[in-house]
Amino acid sequence: MDKNKSSDALDEIPTFNVDNIQNNTRIINYSRTFMSIIGGVIAGILGINGLTGIVFYFLVMAITTAGLAAKTEFSVHSYFDSWNRIVFDGILGGLMSFVLFWTFAYDMVHIF
């Protein structure tokens, strides 16, 4: 009986292809960077300034996370090893791009 029990336990262990997880993580980072740039341009055009812009950034990242989860049909464990990959990876990495395009668009529309 122990032999069957151990083989069942081996069948339940999830296996992942490292190349696929790396590719999926790369796609998440590209998506977050793209959405950071788009969000920064929109925030600049709308004239958002101060802490409201930072809140806007995290709102854009929350929408991006929801979109990525919807793209996986909310079956994140089929594509990643944990929810943390889709929720937290790359959020702060896109902040600098957001600020750059936010200030650029704000200056172009409201100052010049």
PDB file of N, CA and C in Angstrom:
ATOM      1  N   MET A   1       0.808  -1.198   0.000  1.00  0.00           N
ATOM      2  CA  MET A   1       0.000   0.000   0.000  1.00  0.00           C
ATOM      3  C   MET A   1       0.854   1.266   0.000  1.00  0.00           C
ATOM      4  N   ASP A   2       1.964   1.251   0.672  1.00  0.00           N
ATOM      5  CA  ASP A   2       2.807   2.436   0.730  1.00  0.00           C
ATOM      6  C   ASP A   2       3.358   2.788  -0.644  1.00  0.00           C
ATOM      7  N   LYS A   3       3.562   1.757  -1.475  1.00  0.00           N
ATOM      8  CA  LYS A   3       4.079   2.008  -2.813  1.00  0.00           C
ATOM      9  C   LYS A   3       3.070   2.803  -3.649  1.00  0.00           C
ATOM     10  N   ASN A   4       1.801   2.453  -3.572  1.00  0.00           N
ATOM     11  CA  ASN A   4       0.769   3.193  -4.291  1.00  0.00           C
ATOM     12  C   ASN A   4       0.611   4.599  -3.742  1.00  0.00           C
ATOM     13  N   LYS A   5       0.728   4.713  -2.449  1.00  0.00           N
ATOM     14  CA  LYS A   5       0.580   6.021  -1.815  1.00  0.00           C
ATOM     15  C   LYS A   5       1.687   6.969  -2.258  1.00  0.00           C
ATOM     16  N   SER A   6       2.922   6.471  -2.355  1.00  0.00           N
ATOM     17  CA  SER A   6       4.027   7.335  -2.762  1.00  0.00           C
ATOM     18  C   SER A   6       3.930   7.693  -4.245  1.00  0.00           C
ATOM     19  N   SER A   7       3.438   6.801  -5.089  1.00  0.00           N
ATOM     20  CA  SER A   7       3.298   7.143  -6.505  1.00  0.00           C
ATOM     21  C   SER A   7       2.184   8.162  -6.711  1.00  0.00           C
ATOM     22  N   ASP A   8       1.121   8.106  -5.894  1.00  0.00           N
ATOM     23  CA  ASP A   8       0.069   9.120  -5.969  1.00  0.00           C
ATOM     24  C   ASP A   8       0.604  10.477  -5.554  1.00  0.00           C
ATOM     25  N   ALA A   9       1.472  10.493  -4.556  1.00  0.00           N
ATOM     26  CA  ALA A   9       2.051  11.754  -4.099  1.00  0.00           C
ATOM     27  C   ALA A   9       2.922  12.369  -5.183  1.00  0.00           C
ATOM     28  N   LEU A  10       3.633  11.521  -5.941  1.00  0.00           N
ATOM     29  CA  LEU A  10       4.464  12.042  -7.022  1.00  0.00           C
ATOM     30  C   LEU A  10       3.619  12.609  -8.157  1.00  0.00           C
ATOM     31  N   ASP A  11       2.451  12.034  -8.377  1.00  0.00           N
ATOM     32  CA  ASP A  11       1.570  12.542  -9.426  1.00  0.00           C
ATOM     33  C   ASP A  11       0.992  13.905  -9.074  1.00  0.00           C
ATOM     34  N   GLU A  12       0.902  14.224  -7.800  1.00  0.00           N
ATOM     35  CA  GLU A  12       0.308  15.483  -7.361  1.00  0.00           C
ATOM     36  C   GLU A  12       1.298  16.635  -7.325  1.00  0.00           C
ATOM     37  N   ILE A  13       2.584  16.340  -7.450  1.00  0.00           N
ATOM     38  CA  ILE A  13       3.590  17.395  -7.429  1.00  0.00           C
ATOM     39  C   ILE A  13       3.533  18.151  -8.752  1.00  0.00           C
ATOM     40  N   PRO A  14       3.318  19.467  -8.696  1.00  0.00           N
ATOM     41  CA  PRO A  14       3.258  20.221  -9.952  1.00  0.00           C
ATOM     42  C   PRO A  14       4.643  20.348 -10.579  1.00  0.00           C
ATOM     43  N   THR A  15       4.689  20.228 -11.877  1.00  0.00           N
ATOM     44  CA  THR A  15       5.945  20.398 -12.605  1.00  0.00           C
ATOM     45  C   THR A  15       5.826  21.626 -13.496  1.00  0.00           C
ATOM     46  N   PHE A  16       6.936  22.335 -13.614  1.00  0.00           N
ATOM     47  CA  PHE A  16       6.958  23.559 -14.406  1.00  0.00           C
ATOM     48  C   PHE A  16       8.119  23.505 -15.382  1.00  0.00           C
ATOM     49  N   ASN A  17       7.911  24.084 -16.524  1.00  0.00           N
ATOM     50  CA  ASN A  17       8.981  24.266 -17.498  1.00  0.00           C
ATOM     51  C   ASN A  17       9.585  25.642 -17.244  1.00  0.00           C
ATOM     52  N   VAL A  18      10.849  25.662 -16.883  1.00  0.00           N
ATOM     53  CA  VAL A  18      11.507  26.906 -16.492  1.00  0.00           C
ATOM     54  C   VAL A  18      11.518  27.911 -17.641  1.00  0.00           C
ATOM     55  N   ASP A  19      11.729  27.447 -18.850  1.00  0.00           N
ATOM     56  CA  ASP A  19      11.745  28.355 -20.007  1.00  0.00           C
ATOM     57  C   ASP A  19      10.392  29.040 -20.191  1.00  0.00           C
ATOM     58  N   ASN A  20       9.313  28.286 -20.011  1.00  0.00           N
ATOM     59  CA  ASN A  20       7.979  28.880 -20.146  1.00  0.00           C
ATOM     60  C   ASN A  20       7.703  29.897 -19.049  1.00  0.00           C
ATOM     61  N   ILE A  21       8.109  29.594 -17.822  1.00  0.00           N
ATOM     62  CA  ILE A  21       7.897  30.549 -16.724  1.00  0.00           C
ATOM     63  C   ILE A  21       8.709  31.816 -16.960  1.00  0.00           C
ATOM     64  N   GLN A  22       9.940  31.668 -17.435  1.00  0.00           N
ATOM     65  CA  GLN A  22      10.756  32.850 -17.733  1.00  0.00           C
ATOM     66  C   GLN A  22      10.132  33.673 -18.853  1.00  0.00           C
ATOM     67  N   ASN A  23       9.624  33.028 -19.869  1.00  0.00           N
ATOM     68  CA  ASN A  23       8.969  33.739 -20.963  1.00  0.00           C
ATOM     69  C   ASN A  23       7.714  34.460 -20.462  1.00  0.00           C
ATOM     70  N   ASN A  24       6.912  33.793 -19.648  1.00  0.00           N
ATOM     71  CA  ASN A  24       5.705  34.414 -19.106  1.00  0.00           C
ATOM     72  C   ASN A  24       6.046  35.592 -18.206  1.00  0.00           C
ATOM     73  N   THR A  25       7.106  35.472 -17.412  1.00  0.00           N
ATOM     74  CA  THR A  25       7.541  36.579 -16.554  1.00  0.00           C
ATOM     75  C   THR A  25       8.028  37.751 -17.397  1.00  0.00           C
ATOM     76  N   ARG A  26       8.734  37.461 -18.481  1.00  0.00           N
ATOM     77  CA  ARG A  26       9.196  38.508 -19.391  1.00  0.00           C
ATOM     78  C   ARG A  26       8.005  39.240 -20.015  1.00  0.00           C
ATOM     79  N   ILE A  27       6.977  38.502 -20.378  1.00  0.00           N
ATOM     80  CA  ILE A  27       5.775  39.113 -20.948  1.00  0.00           C
ATOM     81  C   ILE A  27       5.094  40.008 -19.927  1.00  0.00           C
ATOM     82  N   ILE A  28       5.064  39.583 -18.671  1.00  0.00           N
ATOM     83  CA  ILE A  28       4.485  40.424 -17.612  1.00  0.00           C
ATOM     84  C   ILE A  28       5.266  41.722 -17.488  1.00  0.00           C
ATOM     85  N   ASN A  29       6.598  41.629 -17.503  1.00  0.00           N
ATOM     86  CA  ASN A  29       7.408  42.846 -17.374  1.00  0.00           C
ATOM     87  C   ASN A  29       7.206  43.775 -18.567  1.00  0.00           C
ATOM     88  N   TYR A  30       7.113  43.232 -19.772  1.00  0.00           N
ATOM     89  CA  TYR A  30       6.851  44.065 -20.947  1.00  0.00           C
ATOM     90  C   TYR A  30       5.476  44.724 -20.850  1.00  0.00           C
ATOM     91  N   SER A  31       4.493  43.966 -20.408  1.00  0.00           N
ATOM     92  CA  SER A  31       3.135  44.512 -20.280  1.00  0.00           C
ATOM     93  C   SER A  31       3.092  45.631 -19.250  1.00  0.00           C
ATOM     94  N   ARG A  32       3.749  45.428 -18.119  1.00  0.00           N
ATOM     95  CA  ARG A  32       3.756  46.463 -17.074  1.00  0.00           C
ATOM     96  C   ARG A  32       4.513  47.710 -17.522  1.00  0.00           C
ATOM     97  N   THR A  33       5.611  47.524 -18.237  1.00  0.00           N
ATOM     98  CA  THR A  33       6.354  48.682 -18.742  1.00  0.00           C
ATOM     99  C   THR A  33       5.514  49.457 -19.753  1.00  0.00           C
ATOM    100  N   PHE A  34       4.866  48.748 -20.658  1.00  0.00           N
ATOM    101  CA  PHE A  34       4.007  49.394 -21.655  1.00  0.00           C
ATOM    102  C   PHE A  34       2.866  50.151 -20.980  1.00  0.00           C
ATOM    103  N   MET A  35       2.212  49.515 -20.013  1.00  0.00           N
ATOM    104  CA  MET A  35       1.106  50.169 -19.317  1.00  0.00           C
ATOM    105  C   MET A  35       1.595  51.338 -18.460  1.00  0.00           C
ATOM    106  N   SER A  36       2.822  51.259 -17.952  1.00  0.00           N
ATOM    107  CA  SER A  36       3.392  52.384 -17.206  1.00  0.00           C
ATOM    108  C   SER A  36       3.580  53.591 -18.120  1.00  0.00           C
ATOM    109  N   ILE A  37       4.069  53.345 -19.324  1.00  0.00           N
ATOM    110  CA  ILE A  37       4.270  54.433 -20.283  1.00  0.00           C
ATOM    111  C   ILE A  37       2.924  55.036 -20.684  1.00  0.00           C
ATOM    112  N   ILE A  38       1.956  54.194 -21.019  1.00  0.00           N
ATOM    113  CA  ILE A  38       0.633  54.683 -21.413  1.00  0.00           C
ATOM    114  C   ILE A  38      -0.020  55.428 -20.248  1.00  0.00           C
ATOM    115  N   GLY A  39       0.073  54.858 -19.046  1.00  0.00           N
ATOM    116  CA  GLY A  39      -0.498  55.516 -17.865  1.00  0.00           C
ATOM    117  C   GLY A  39       0.157  56.854 -17.579  1.00  0.00           C
ATOM    118  N   GLY A  40       1.485  56.941 -17.770  1.00  0.00           N
ATOM    119  CA  GLY A  40       2.193  58.204 -17.555  1.00  0.00           C
ATOM    120  C   GLY A  40       1.758  59.270 -18.542  1.00  0.00           C
ATOM    121  N   VAL A  41       1.589  58.892 -19.791  1.00  0.00           N
ATOM    122  CA  VAL A  41       1.131  59.849 -20.803  1.00  0.00           C
ATOM    123  C   VAL A  41      -0.287  60.317 -20.486  1.00  0.00           C
ATOM    124  N   ILE A  42      -1.158  59.401 -20.102  1.00  0.00           N
ATOM    125  CA  ILE A  42      -2.532  59.780 -19.768  1.00  0.00           C
ATOM    126  C   ILE A  42      -2.568  60.695 -18.547  1.00  0.00           C
ATOM    127  N   ALA A  43      -1.770  60.364 -17.521  1.00  0.00           N
ATOM    128  CA  ALA A  43      -1.728  61.210 -16.321  1.00  0.00           C
ATOM    129  C   ALA A  43      -1.206  62.600 -16.655  1.00  0.00           C
ATOM    130  N   GLY A  44      -0.215  62.684 -17.537  1.00  0.00           N
ATOM    131  CA  GLY A  44       0.317  63.982 -17.927  1.00  0.00           C
ATOM    132  C   GLY A  44      -0.681  64.797 -18.727  1.00  0.00           C
ATOM    133  N   ILE A  45      -1.382  64.160 -19.650  1.00  0.00           N
ATOM    134  CA  ILE A  45      -2.366  64.868 -20.464  1.00  0.00           C
ATOM    135  C   ILE A  45      -3.529  65.354 -19.609  1.00  0.00           C
ATOM    136  N   LEU A  46      -3.944  64.527 -18.640  1.00  0.00           N
ATOM    137  CA  LEU A  46      -5.051  64.923 -17.761  1.00  0.00           C
ATOM    138  C   LEU A  46      -4.648  65.981 -16.731  1.00  0.00           C
ATOM    139  N   GLY A  47      -3.357  66.227 -16.605  1.00  0.00           N
ATOM    140  CA  GLY A  47      -2.897  67.250 -15.664  1.00  0.00           C
ATOM    141  C   GLY A  47      -2.867  66.769 -14.223  1.00  0.00           C
ATOM    142  N   ILE A  48      -2.762  65.488 -14.021  1.00  0.00           N
ATOM    143  CA  ILE A  48      -2.688  64.939 -12.656  1.00  0.00           C
ATOM    144  C   ILE A  48      -1.322  65.273 -12.089  1.00  0.00           C
ATOM    145  N   ASN A  49      -1.296  65.744 -10.855  1.00  0.00           N
ATOM    146  CA  ASN A  49      -0.011  66.048 -10.224  1.00  0.00           C
ATOM    147  C   ASN A  49      -0.040  65.679  -8.746  1.00  0.00           C
ATOM    148  N   GLY A  50       1.139  65.598  -8.155  1.00  0.00           N
ATOM    149  CA  GLY A  50       1.259  65.263  -6.741  1.00  0.00           C
ATOM    150  C   GLY A  50       1.031  63.787  -6.470  1.00  0.00           C
ATOM    151  N   LEU A  51       0.582  63.507  -5.263  1.00  0.00           N
ATOM    152  CA  LEU A  51       0.350  62.125  -4.855  1.00  0.00           C
ATOM    153  C   LEU A  51      -0.786  61.461  -5.627  1.00  0.00           C
ATOM    154  N   THR A  52      -1.646  62.263  -6.209  1.00  0.00           N
ATOM    155  CA  THR A  52      -2.725  61.715  -7.027  1.00  0.00           C
ATOM    156  C   THR A  52      -2.149  60.930  -8.206  1.00  0.00           C
ATOM    157  N   GLY A  53      -1.018  61.374  -8.735  1.00  0.00           N
ATOM    158  CA  GLY A  53      -0.373  60.664  -9.835  1.00  0.00           C
ATOM    159  C   GLY A  53       0.150  59.310  -9.412  1.00  0.00           C
ATOM    160  N   ILE A  54       0.705  59.228  -8.210  1.00  0.00           N
ATOM    161  CA  ILE A  54       1.198  57.949  -7.708  1.00  0.00           C
ATOM    162  C   ILE A  54       0.028  56.987  -7.482  1.00  0.00           C
ATOM    163  N   VAL A  55      -1.063  57.519  -6.950  1.00  0.00           N
ATOM    164  CA  VAL A  55      -2.270  56.693  -6.771  1.00  0.00           C
ATOM    165  C   VAL A  55      -2.775  56.226  -8.131  1.00  0.00           C
ATOM    166  N   PHE A  56      -2.733  57.111  -9.126  1.00  0.00           N
ATOM    167  CA  PHE A  56      -3.136  56.750 -10.485  1.00  0.00           C
ATOM    168  C   PHE A  56      -2.262  55.626 -11.031  1.00  0.00           C
ATOM    169  N   TYR A  57      -0.960  55.689 -10.744  1.00  0.00           N
ATOM    170  CA  TYR A  57      -0.041  54.640 -11.197  1.00  0.00           C
ATOM    171  C   TYR A  57      -0.438  53.286 -10.612  1.00  0.00           C
ATOM    172  N   PHE A  58      -0.692  53.245  -9.312  1.00  0.00           N
ATOM    173  CA  PHE A  58      -1.059  51.972  -8.699  1.00  0.00           C
ATOM    174  C   PHE A  58      -2.434  51.498  -9.167  1.00  0.00           C
ATOM    175  N   LEU A  59      -3.304  52.406  -9.527  1.00  0.00           N
ATOM    176  CA  LEU A  59      -4.583  52.026 -10.127  1.00  0.00           C
ATOM    177  C   LEU A  59      -4.366  51.387 -11.498  1.00  0.00           C
ATOM    178  N   VAL A  60      -3.480  51.964 -12.293  1.00  0.00           N
ATOM    179  CA  VAL A  60      -3.145  51.394 -13.601  1.00  0.00           C
ATOM    180  C   VAL A  60      -2.522  50.013 -13.429  1.00  0.00           C
ATOM    181  N   MET A  61      -1.656  49.854 -12.435  1.00  0.00           N
ATOM    182  CA  MET A  61      -1.037  48.546 -12.195  1.00  0.00           C
ATOM    183  C   MET A  61      -2.064  47.521 -11.710  1.00  0.00           C
ATOM    184  N   ALA A  62      -3.049  47.951 -10.936  1.00  0.00           N
ATOM    185  CA  ALA A  62      -4.114  47.036 -10.496  1.00  0.00           C
ATOM    186  C   ALA A  62      -4.954  46.582 -11.693  1.00  0.00           C
ATOM    187  N   ILE A  63      -5.237  47.507 -12.594  1.00  0.00           N
ATOM    188  CA  ILE A  63      -5.982  47.153 -13.806  1.00  0.00           C
ATOM    189  C   ILE A  63      -5.161  46.211 -14.679  1.00  0.00           C
ATOM    190  N   THR A  64      -3.854  46.457 -14.758  1.00  0.00           N
ATOM    191  CA  THR A  64      -2.970  45.577 -15.527  1.00  0.00           C
ATOM    192  C   THR A  64      -2.942  44.177 -14.926  1.00  0.00           C
ATOM    193  N   THR A  65      -2.866  44.100 -13.603  1.00  0.00           N
ATOM    194  CA  THR A  65      -2.874  42.798 -12.928  1.00  0.00           C
ATOM    195  C   THR A  65      -4.174  42.058 -13.212  1.00  0.00           C
ATOM    196  N   ALA A  66      -5.291  42.767 -13.138  1.00  0.00           N
ATOM    197  CA  ALA A  66      -6.587  42.136 -13.428  1.00  0.00           C
ATOM    198  C   ALA A  66      -6.643  41.658 -14.878  1.00  0.00           C
ATOM    199  N   GLY A  67      -6.096  42.441 -15.789  1.00  0.00           N
ATOM    200  CA  GLY A  67      -6.070  42.043 -17.194  1.00  0.00           C
ATOM    201  C   GLY A  67      -5.198  40.820 -17.439  1.00  0.00           C
ATOM    202  N   LEU A  68      -4.044  40.779 -16.771  1.00  0.00           N
ATOM    203  CA  LEU A  68      -3.170  39.617 -16.918  1.00  0.00           C
ATOM    204  C   LEU A  68      -3.809  38.366 -16.324  1.00  0.00           C
ATOM    205  N   ALA A  69      -4.482  38.524 -15.181  1.00  0.00           N
ATOM    206  CA  ALA A  69      -5.174  37.380 -14.572  1.00  0.00           C
ATOM    207  C   ALA A  69      -6.318  36.916 -15.467  1.00  0.00           C
ATOM    208  N   ALA A  70      -7.015  37.846 -16.086  1.00  0.00           N
ATOM    209  CA  ALA A  70      -8.100  37.478 -17.000  1.00  0.00           C
ATOM    210  C   ALA A  70      -7.535  36.773 -18.242  1.00  0.00           C
ATOM    211  N   LYS A  71      -6.374  37.211 -18.692  1.00  0.00           N
ATOM    212  CA  LYS A  71      -5.738  36.580 -19.850  1.00  0.00           C
ATOM    213  C   LYS A  71      -5.406  35.114 -19.560  1.00  0.00           C
ATOM    214  N   THR A  72      -5.047  34.808 -18.316  1.00  0.00           N
ATOM    215  CA  THR A  72      -4.773  33.418 -17.935  1.00  0.00           C
ATOM    216  C   THR A  72      -6.041  32.680 -17.543  1.00  0.00           C
ATOM    217  N   GLU A  73      -7.185  33.349 -17.729  1.00  0.00           N
ATOM    218  CA  GLU A  73      -8.498  32.815 -17.348  1.00  0.00           C
ATOM    219  C   GLU A  73      -8.533  32.475 -15.864  1.00  0.00           C
ATOM    220  N   PHE A  74      -7.832  33.267 -15.065  1.00  0.00           N
ATOM    221  CA  PHE A  74      -7.735  33.141 -13.607  1.00  0.00           C
ATOM    222  C   PHE A  74      -7.199  31.778 -13.183  1.00  0.00           C
ATOM    223  N   SER A  75      -6.490  31.116 -14.072  1.00  0.00           N
ATOM    224  CA  SER A  75      -5.809  29.861 -13.785  1.00  0.00           C
ATOM    225  C   SER A  75      -4.309  30.141 -13.777  1.00  0.00           C
ATOM    226  N   VAL A  76      -3.895  30.966 -12.828  1.00  0.00           N
ATOM    227  CA  VAL A  76      -2.524  31.460 -12.785  1.00  0.00           C
ATOM    228  C   VAL A  76      -1.527  30.328 -12.573  1.00  0.00           C
ATOM    229  N   HIS A  77      -1.908  29.311 -11.821  1.00  0.00           N
ATOM    230  CA  HIS A  77      -0.976  28.227 -11.524  1.00  0.00           C
ATOM    231  C   HIS A  77      -0.658  27.372 -12.748  1.00  0.00           C
ATOM    232  N   SER A  78      -1.381  27.551 -13.823  1.00  0.00           N
ATOM    233  CA  SER A  78      -1.037  26.857 -15.068  1.00  0.00           C
ATOM    234  C   SER A  78       0.123  27.541 -15.786  1.00  0.00           C
ATOM    235  N   TYR A  79       0.357  28.813 -15.485  1.00  0.00           N
ATOM    236  CA  TYR A  79       1.380  29.588 -16.178  1.00  0.00           C
ATOM    237  C   TYR A  79       2.518  30.052 -15.278  1.00  0.00           C
ATOM    238  N   PHE A  80       2.272  30.136 -13.973  1.00  0.00           N
ATOM    239  CA  PHE A  80       3.263  30.631 -13.020  1.00  0.00           C
ATOM    240  C   PHE A  80       3.270  29.734 -11.792  1.00  0.00           C
ATOM    241  N   ASP A  81       4.336  29.861 -11.000  1.00  0.00           N
ATOM    242  CA  ASP A  81       4.421  29.029  -9.809  1.00  0.00           C
ATOM    243  C   ASP A  81       3.632  29.599  -8.632  1.00  0.00           C
ATOM    244  N   SER A  82       3.273  30.879  -8.672  1.00  0.00           N
ATOM    245  CA  SER A  82       2.461  31.455  -7.597  1.00  0.00           C
ATOM    246  C   SER A  82       1.765  32.717  -8.085  1.00  0.00           C
ATOM    247  N   TRP A  83       0.785  33.172  -7.315  1.00  0.00           N
ATOM    248  CA  TRP A  83       0.079  34.416  -7.624  1.00  0.00           C
ATOM    249  C   TRP A  83       1.001  35.622  -7.503  1.00  0.00           C
ATOM    250  N   ASN A  84       2.049  35.516  -6.688  1.00  0.00           N
ATOM    251  CA  ASN A  84       2.960  36.644  -6.493  1.00  0.00           C
ATOM    252  C   ASN A  84       3.599  37.089  -7.804  1.00  0.00           C
ATOM    253  N   ARG A  85       3.824  36.162  -8.707  1.00  0.00           N
ATOM    254  CA  ARG A  85       4.423  36.519  -9.998  1.00  0.00           C
ATOM    255  C   ARG A  85       3.537  37.489 -10.771  1.00  0.00           C
ATOM    256  N   ILE A  86       2.268  37.233 -10.778  1.00  0.00           N
ATOM    257  CA  ILE A  86       1.362  38.057 -11.577  1.00  0.00           C
ATOM    258  C   ILE A  86       0.941  39.321 -10.835  1.00  0.00           C
ATOM    259  N   VAL A  87       0.951  39.285  -9.503  1.00  0.00           N
ATOM    260  CA  VAL A  87       0.480  40.435  -8.734  1.00  0.00           C
ATOM    261  C   VAL A  87       1.597  41.442  -8.468  1.00  0.00           C
ATOM    262  N   PHE A  88       2.787  40.971  -8.107  1.00  0.00           N
ATOM    263  CA  PHE A  88       3.828  41.892  -7.643  1.00  0.00           C
ATOM    264  C   PHE A  88       5.008  42.087  -8.588  1.00  0.00           C
ATOM    265  N   ASP A  89       5.290  41.151  -9.476  1.00  0.00           N
ATOM    266  CA  ASP A  89       6.480  41.275 -10.325  1.00  0.00           C
ATOM    267  C   ASP A  89       6.381  42.480 -11.249  1.00  0.00           C
ATOM    268  N   GLY A  90       7.388  43.321 -11.204  1.00  0.00           N
ATOM    269  CA  GLY A  90       7.495  44.432 -12.131  1.00  0.00           C
ATOM    270  C   GLY A  90       6.710  45.679 -11.780  1.00  0.00           C
ATOM    271  N   ILE A  91       6.049  45.698 -10.630  1.00  0.00           N
ATOM    272  CA  ILE A  91       5.250  46.886 -10.296  1.00  0.00           C
ATOM    273  C   ILE A  91       6.143  48.096 -10.069  1.00  0.00           C
ATOM    274  N   LEU A  92       7.187  47.956  -9.277  1.00  0.00           N
ATOM    275  CA  LEU A  92       8.050  49.104  -9.006  1.00  0.00           C
ATOM    276  C   LEU A  92       9.023  49.366 -10.149  1.00  0.00           C
ATOM    277  N   GLY A  93       9.265  48.369 -10.993  1.00  0.00           N
ATOM    278  CA  GLY A  93      10.149  48.562 -12.140  1.00  0.00           C
ATOM    279  C   GLY A  93       9.594  49.536 -13.153  1.00  0.00           C
ATOM    280  N   GLY A  94       8.286  49.605 -13.278  1.00  0.00           N
ATOM    281  CA  GLY A  94       7.665  50.514 -14.225  1.00  0.00           C
ATOM    282  C   GLY A  94       7.433  51.907 -13.680  1.00  0.00           C
ATOM    283  N   LEU A  95       7.718  52.112 -12.407  1.00  0.00           N
ATOM    284  CA  LEU A  95       7.462  53.411 -11.785  1.00  0.00           C
ATOM    285  C   LEU A  95       8.307  54.522 -12.412  1.00  0.00           C
ATOM    286  N   MET A  96       9.560  54.228 -12.718  1.00  0.00           N
ATOM    287  CA  MET A  96      10.425  55.245 -13.321  1.00  0.00           C
ATOM    288  C   MET A  96       9.957  55.609 -14.735  1.00  0.00           C
ATOM    289  N   SER A  97       9.510  54.620 -15.482  1.00  0.00           N
ATOM    290  CA  SER A  97       8.972  54.910 -16.819  1.00  0.00           C
ATOM    291  C   SER A  97       7.713  55.751 -16.711  1.00  0.00           C
ATOM    292  N   PHE A  98       6.870  55.429 -15.738  1.00  0.00           N
ATOM    293  CA  PHE A  98       5.650  56.200 -15.518  1.00  0.00           C
ATOM    294  C   PHE A  98       5.981  57.659 -15.213  1.00  0.00           C
ATOM    295  N   VAL A  99       6.893  57.882 -14.289  1.00  0.00           N
ATOM    296  CA  VAL A  99       7.249  59.251 -13.900  1.00  0.00           C
ATOM    297  C   VAL A  99       7.873  60.002 -15.076  1.00  0.00           C
ATOM    298  N   LEU A 100       8.717  59.339 -15.841  1.00  0.00           N
ATOM    299  CA  LEU A 100       9.349  59.978 -16.998  1.00  0.00           C
ATOM    300  C   LEU A 100       8.307  60.450 -18.006  1.00  0.00           C
ATOM    301  N   PHE A 101       7.395  59.582 -18.398  1.00  0.00           N
ATOM    302  CA  PHE A 101       6.397  59.941 -19.400  1.00  0.00           C
ATOM    303  C   PHE A 101       5.306  60.832 -18.821  1.00  0.00           C
ATOM    304  N   TRP A 102       5.058  60.731 -17.543  1.00  0.00           N
ATOM    305  CA  TRP A 102       4.098  61.608 -16.871  1.00  0.00           C
ATOM    306  C   TRP A 102       4.582  63.052 -16.923  1.00  0.00           C
ATOM    307  N   THR A 103       5.834  63.265 -16.530  1.00  0.00           N
ATOM    308  CA  THR A 103       6.371  64.629 -16.542  1.00  0.00           C
ATOM    309  C   THR A 103       6.540  65.150 -17.969  1.00  0.00           C
ATOM    310  N   PHE A 104       6.937  64.276 -18.880  1.00  0.00           N
ATOM    311  CA  PHE A 104       7.102  64.696 -20.270  1.00  0.00           C
ATOM    312  C   PHE A 104       5.769  65.138 -20.869  1.00  0.00           C
ATOM    313  N   ALA A 105       4.733  64.325 -20.701  1.00  0.00           N
ATOM    314  CA  ALA A 105       3.423  64.675 -21.258  1.00  0.00           C
ATOM    315  C   ALA A 105       2.839  65.900 -20.565  1.00  0.00           C
ATOM    316  N   TYR A 106       3.029  66.009 -19.256  1.00  0.00           N
ATOM    317  CA  TYR A 106       2.526  67.166 -18.524  1.00  0.00           C
ATOM    318  C   TYR A 106       3.193  68.450 -19.027  1.00  0.00           C
ATOM    319  N   ASP A 107       4.509  68.389 -19.205  1.00  0.00           N
ATOM    320  CA  ASP A 107       5.234  69.560 -19.707  1.00  0.00           C
ATOM    321  C   ASP A 107       4.805  69.932 -21.122  1.00  0.00           C
ATOM    322  N   MET A 108       4.632  68.953 -21.976  1.00  0.00           N
ATOM    323  CA  MET A 108       4.246  69.227 -23.357  1.00  0.00           C
ATOM    324  C   MET A 108       2.855  69.838 -23.467  1.00  0.00           C
ATOM    325  N   VAL A 109       1.932  69.387 -22.629  1.00  0.00           N
ATOM    326  CA  VAL A 109       0.550  69.839 -22.740  1.00  0.00           C
ATOM    327  C   VAL A 109       0.288  71.105 -21.914  1.00  0.00           C
ATOM    328  N   HIS A 110       0.790  71.152 -20.704  1.00  0.00           N
ATOM    329  CA  HIS A 110       0.385  72.211 -19.771  1.00  0.00           C
ATOM    330  C   HIS A 110       1.410  73.327 -19.611  1.00  0.00           C
ATOM    331  N   ILE A 111       2.654  73.125 -20.005  1.00  0.00           N
ATOM    332  CA  ILE A 111       3.666  74.164 -19.818  1.00  0.00           C
ATOM    333  C   ILE A 111       4.042  74.802 -21.143  1.00  0.00           C
ATOM    334  N   PHE A 112       4.297  73.999 -22.150  1.00  0.00           N
ATOM    335  CA  PHE A 112       4.712  74.555 -23.445  1.00  0.00           C
ATOM    336  C   PHE A 112       3.477  74.838 -24.231  1.00  0.00           C
TER     337      PHE A 112
END
